[in-house]
Protein backbone atom coordinates (compact mmCIF):
# COMPACT_ATOMS: atom_id res chain seq x y z
CA UNK A 1 86.52 115.17 95.73
CA UNK A 2 88.81 112.27 96.28
CA UNK A 3 87.16 109.55 98.50
CA UNK A 4 88.93 106.91 100.59
CA UNK A 5 87.98 104.06 103.00
CA UNK A 6 89.36 104.39 106.51
CA UNK A 7 89.25 101.23 108.71
CA UNK A 8 89.95 100.65 112.33
CA UNK A 9 90.77 97.35 114.12
CA UNK A 10 88.26 97.13 117.20
CA UNK A 11 86.88 95.07 119.91
CA UNK A 12 90.40 94.54 121.20
CA UNK A 13 89.82 96.16 124.61
CA UNK A 14 90.58 99.71 123.50
CA UNK A 15 88.89 102.50 125.14
CA UNK A 16 87.58 104.48 122.24
CA UNK A 17 85.76 102.08 119.83
CA UNK A 18 82.56 104.10 119.94
CA UNK A 19 84.09 107.35 119.19
CA UNK A 20 86.33 105.85 116.46
CA UNK A 21 83.19 104.35 114.70
CA UNK A 22 82.00 107.98 114.20
CA UNK A 23 85.11 108.68 112.11
CA UNK A 24 85.92 105.55 110.05
CA UNK A 25 83.96 103.92 107.32
CA UNK A 26 84.97 100.31 107.89
CA UNK A 27 85.47 98.18 111.12
CA UNK A 28 87.54 95.06 111.52
CA UNK A 29 85.97 93.51 114.58
CA UNK A 30 88.01 90.91 116.65
CA UNK A 31 86.54 87.34 116.57
CA UNK A 32 87.79 86.81 120.18
CA UNK A 33 90.84 84.70 119.41
CA UNK A 34 93.43 87.24 120.08
CA UNK A 35 91.65 89.90 122.11
CA UNK A 36 88.35 91.28 123.45
CA UNK A 37 85.45 89.93 125.29
CA UNK A 38 82.09 89.03 123.96
CA UNK A 39 80.92 92.41 125.57
CA UNK A 40 83.58 94.32 123.61
CA UNK A 41 82.58 92.50 120.35
CA UNK A 42 78.91 93.20 120.83
CA UNK A 43 79.64 96.94 121.71
CA UNK A 44 81.66 97.26 118.59
CA UNK A 45 78.95 95.65 116.34
CA UNK A 46 76.25 97.72 117.85
CA UNK A 47 78.24 100.99 117.45
CA UNK A 48 79.19 100.10 113.81
CA UNK A 49 75.62 99.50 112.92
CA UNK A 50 74.54 102.75 114.58
CA UNK A 51 77.18 104.69 112.53
CA UNK A 52 76.38 102.79 109.35
CA UNK A 53 80.04 101.52 109.24
CA UNK A 54 80.88 98.39 107.10
CA UNK A 55 81.73 95.34 109.34
CA UNK A 56 84.44 92.94 108.75
CA UNK A 57 85.90 89.96 110.61
CA UNK A 58 89.37 90.19 112.16
CA UNK A 59 90.43 86.65 112.73
CA UNK A 60 93.74 85.60 114.06
CA UNK A 61 95.95 82.80 115.29
CA UNK A 62 94.35 81.36 118.47
CA UNK A 63 96.78 83.38 120.60
CA UNK A 64 95.34 85.59 123.38
CA UNK A 65 98.49 85.29 125.37
CA UNK A 66 100.55 87.36 122.69
CA UNK A 67 97.41 89.12 121.28
CA UNK A 68 97.83 87.27 117.96
CA UNK A 69 101.35 88.92 117.21
CA UNK A 70 103.17 85.69 117.50
CA UNK A 71 103.68 83.35 114.31
CA UNK A 72 102.26 79.93 115.07
CA UNK A 73 103.01 76.78 113.19
CA UNK A 74 99.64 74.95 113.32
CA UNK A 75 98.54 71.96 111.25
CA UNK A 76 96.54 73.21 108.22
CA UNK A 77 93.37 71.67 109.34
CA UNK A 78 93.63 72.93 112.85
CA UNK A 79 94.30 76.54 111.48
CA UNK A 80 91.42 76.24 108.97
CA UNK A 81 89.02 75.06 111.69
CA UNK A 82 89.97 78.03 113.92
CA UNK A 83 89.46 80.47 111.18
CA UNK A 84 86.01 78.92 110.24
CA UNK A 85 85.06 78.92 114.04
CA UNK A 86 86.05 82.68 114.45
CA UNK A 87 84.09 83.62 111.30
CA UNK A 88 81.14 81.73 112.31
CA UNK A 89 81.08 83.15 115.83
CA UNK A 90 81.36 86.88 114.56
CA UNK A 91 79.02 86.28 111.67
CA UNK A 92 76.31 84.97 114.07
CA UNK A 93 76.61 88.00 116.32
CA UNK A 94 76.44 90.43 113.59
CA UNK A 95 73.44 88.76 112.07
CA UNK A 96 71.65 88.66 115.39
CA UNK A 97 72.28 92.42 115.73
CA UNK A 98 70.74 93.01 112.20
CA UNK A 99 73.69 93.30 110.22
CA UNK A 100 76.00 91.28 107.91
CA UNK A 101 79.77 90.78 107.38
CA UNK A 102 81.27 92.46 104.44
CA UNK A 103 84.97 91.72 104.49
CA UNK A 104 87.67 89.63 106.24
CA UNK A 105 90.90 91.01 107.38
CA UNK A 106 93.46 88.80 109.25
CA UNK A 107 95.07 90.09 112.37
CA UNK A 108 98.67 90.49 113.59
CA UNK A 109 101.05 87.62 112.80
CA UNK A 110 98.48 85.85 110.64
CA UNK A 111 98.12 88.96 108.58
CA UNK A 112 101.96 89.44 108.05
CA UNK A 113 102.60 85.74 107.62
CA UNK A 114 100.07 85.46 104.87
CA UNK A 115 101.40 88.78 103.17
CA UNK A 116 104.75 86.99 102.87
CA UNK A 117 103.86 83.21 102.37
CA UNK A 118 102.06 82.54 99.11
CA UNK A 119 100.90 79.08 100.28
CA UNK A 120 99.27 80.46 103.51
CA UNK A 121 97.72 83.34 101.52
CA UNK A 122 96.16 80.97 99.14
CA UNK A 123 94.97 78.78 102.01
CA UNK A 124 93.55 81.70 103.84
CA UNK A 125 91.62 82.97 100.83
CA UNK A 126 90.36 79.52 100.13
CA UNK A 127 89.03 79.22 103.74
CA UNK A 128 87.39 82.55 103.43
CA UNK A 129 85.69 81.71 100.18
CA UNK A 130 84.61 78.25 101.48
CA UNK A 131 82.85 80.16 104.46
CA UNK A 132 81.24 82.82 102.29
CA UNK A 133 82.28 83.55 98.62
CA UNK A 134 80.77 86.98 98.71
CA UNK A 135 83.10 88.37 101.38
CA UNK A 136 85.98 90.59 100.17
CA UNK A 137 89.40 90.29 101.40
CA UNK A 138 91.54 92.92 102.91
CA UNK A 139 95.29 92.57 102.90
CA UNK A 140 98.72 94.28 102.88
CA UNK A 141 99.17 96.36 99.67
CA UNK A 142 101.72 94.69 97.33
CA UNK A 143 101.45 91.29 99.17
CA UNK A 144 100.70 87.65 98.18
CA UNK A 145 97.25 88.23 99.44
CA UNK A 146 96.25 90.19 96.32
CA UNK A 147 97.26 87.34 94.05
CA UNK A 148 95.54 84.68 96.15
CA UNK A 149 92.30 86.55 96.25
CA UNK A 150 92.28 87.10 92.53
CA UNK A 151 92.86 83.39 91.88
CA UNK A 152 89.90 82.55 94.05
CA UNK A 153 87.74 85.22 92.32
CA UNK A 154 87.48 87.41 95.50
CA UNK A 155 87.40 91.19 95.73
CA UNK A 156 90.53 92.52 97.20
CA UNK A 157 91.17 95.68 99.01
CA UNK A 158 94.85 96.66 99.31
CA UNK A 159 95.56 98.12 102.77
CA UNK A 160 98.00 100.80 103.87
CA UNK A 161 98.70 101.80 107.50
CA UNK A 162 98.27 105.29 109.01
CA UNK A 163 100.12 104.54 112.21
CA UNK A 164 102.86 101.91 111.17
CA UNK A 165 106.21 102.45 109.56
CA UNK A 166 107.33 100.77 106.51
CA UNK A 167 110.41 98.96 105.34
CA UNK A 168 112.06 99.54 101.87
CA UNK A 169 110.43 96.43 100.47
CA UNK A 170 106.88 97.66 101.36
CA UNK A 171 106.38 95.46 104.38
CA UNK A 172 105.65 96.78 107.74
CA UNK A 173 108.51 97.41 110.16
CA UNK A 174 108.07 94.64 112.79
CA UNK A 175 106.59 95.90 116.08
CA UNK A 176 109.59 94.80 118.07
CA UNK A 177 111.82 97.29 116.25
CA UNK A 178 112.16 101.08 117.24
CA UNK A 179 109.73 103.35 115.48
CA UNK A 180 107.42 100.57 114.16
CA UNK A 181 104.28 102.40 115.54
CA UNK A 182 103.95 106.08 114.60
CA UNK A 183 103.08 108.03 117.67
CA UNK A 184 103.47 111.45 116.02
CA UNK A 185 100.19 112.44 114.54
CA UNK A 186 101.66 114.79 112.03
CA UNK A 187 104.03 112.06 110.83
CA UNK A 188 101.18 109.66 110.44
CA UNK A 189 99.08 112.25 108.60
CA UNK A 190 101.73 113.22 106.23
CA UNK A 191 102.41 109.40 105.46
CA UNK A 192 98.75 108.86 104.71
CA UNK A 193 98.60 111.98 102.41
CA UNK A 194 101.64 110.96 100.56
CA UNK A 195 100.16 107.52 99.83
CA UNK A 196 96.95 109.01 98.66
CA UNK A 197 98.17 111.88 96.61
CA UNK A 198 101.64 110.55 95.40
CA UNK A 199 101.29 106.79 95.59
CA UNK A 200 104.48 106.58 97.72
CA UNK A 201 105.47 106.16 101.29
CA UNK A 202 108.91 107.03 103.00
CA UNK A 203 110.30 104.01 104.64
CA UNK A 204 111.76 104.10 108.14
CA UNK A 205 115.19 104.51 106.69
CA UNK A 206 114.36 107.39 104.29
CA UNK A 207 113.72 105.49 100.94
CA UNK A 208 110.67 106.34 98.88
CA UNK A 209 108.57 103.22 98.26
CA UNK A 210 105.89 102.99 95.66
CA UNK A 211 102.48 102.07 97.40
CA UNK A 212 98.89 102.13 96.23
CA UNK A 213 95.98 101.47 98.64
CA UNK A 214 92.18 101.04 98.58
CA UNK A 215 91.84 101.32 102.34
CA UNK A 216 93.80 102.87 105.28
CA UNK A 217 94.01 101.44 108.83
CA UNK A 218 94.10 103.03 112.29
CA UNK A 219 94.77 100.55 115.04
CA UNK A 220 92.15 100.94 117.78
CA UNK A 221 94.45 99.73 120.50
CA UNK A 222 96.88 102.60 119.92
CA UNK A 223 96.64 105.08 122.85
CA UNK A 224 96.69 107.96 120.49
CA UNK A 225 94.11 106.41 118.07
CA UNK A 226 91.03 108.71 118.60
CA UNK A 227 93.18 111.88 118.58
CA UNK A 228 94.92 110.64 115.43
CA UNK A 229 91.71 109.78 113.79
CA UNK A 230 90.11 113.07 114.59
CA UNK A 231 93.23 115.09 113.17
CA UNK A 232 93.46 112.83 110.20
CA UNK A 233 90.06 113.23 109.05
CA UNK A 234 90.16 117.07 109.70
CA UNK A 235 93.21 117.11 107.51
CA UNK A 236 91.86 114.85 104.85
CA UNK A 237 88.71 117.01 104.57
CA UNK A 238 90.79 120.27 104.30
CA UNK A 239 92.82 118.49 101.60
CA UNK A 240 89.61 117.69 99.46
CA UNK A 241 89.64 113.94 100.58
CA UNK A 242 86.47 112.51 102.09
CA UNK A 243 86.24 109.40 104.19
CA UNK A 244 83.29 107.53 102.23
CA UNK A 245 80.80 105.72 104.69
């Protein structure tokens, strides 16, 4: 049976973190710089540990106003300090709850900027390694993050998205464009199956794009997240694909 990792971005104020954590195998938990209260974060940590889900940090630009979805030009030292502060905060909370961080996945604009900017990708991987060299790095499949992580000797997990549309170059369709978020569950499920079984994804304009991934993301703040996750896991199981926890 084929096995995959299914992850969710959590502790961002979404209503179904606990239920999602019974379906996914990895959780990317907000560090508080873009969304989520400490109560949200602690709740996600507790539920992840109870469900034996791998816990990762989900740092971002320090931007709660735009939920971390706005690119920011910050001095290198300031951004590094912010990332380290976020990782320290979440790591302490996870350790106090009896767990440990396993990976780091940047959020929103920071994630997309690092995917397209080799210098930022290298810096982000260096900061993660500086914080804890045992942490894996999760980044967009086919992006500069893969090369940067390998240069720094870090494990890298290439990520694809269940509920986001793609451009012909393999990048995500920006959220401000129509159709960027997939609200049709069947469409999202077929996209995921195509990536797993064929190694391709259909772009928003109908072009086949080669795409290989190690982990698949569902956004926890998507209103349809829980229903989509339930339908996806059911279809995967019936297709001989197991979400590996």
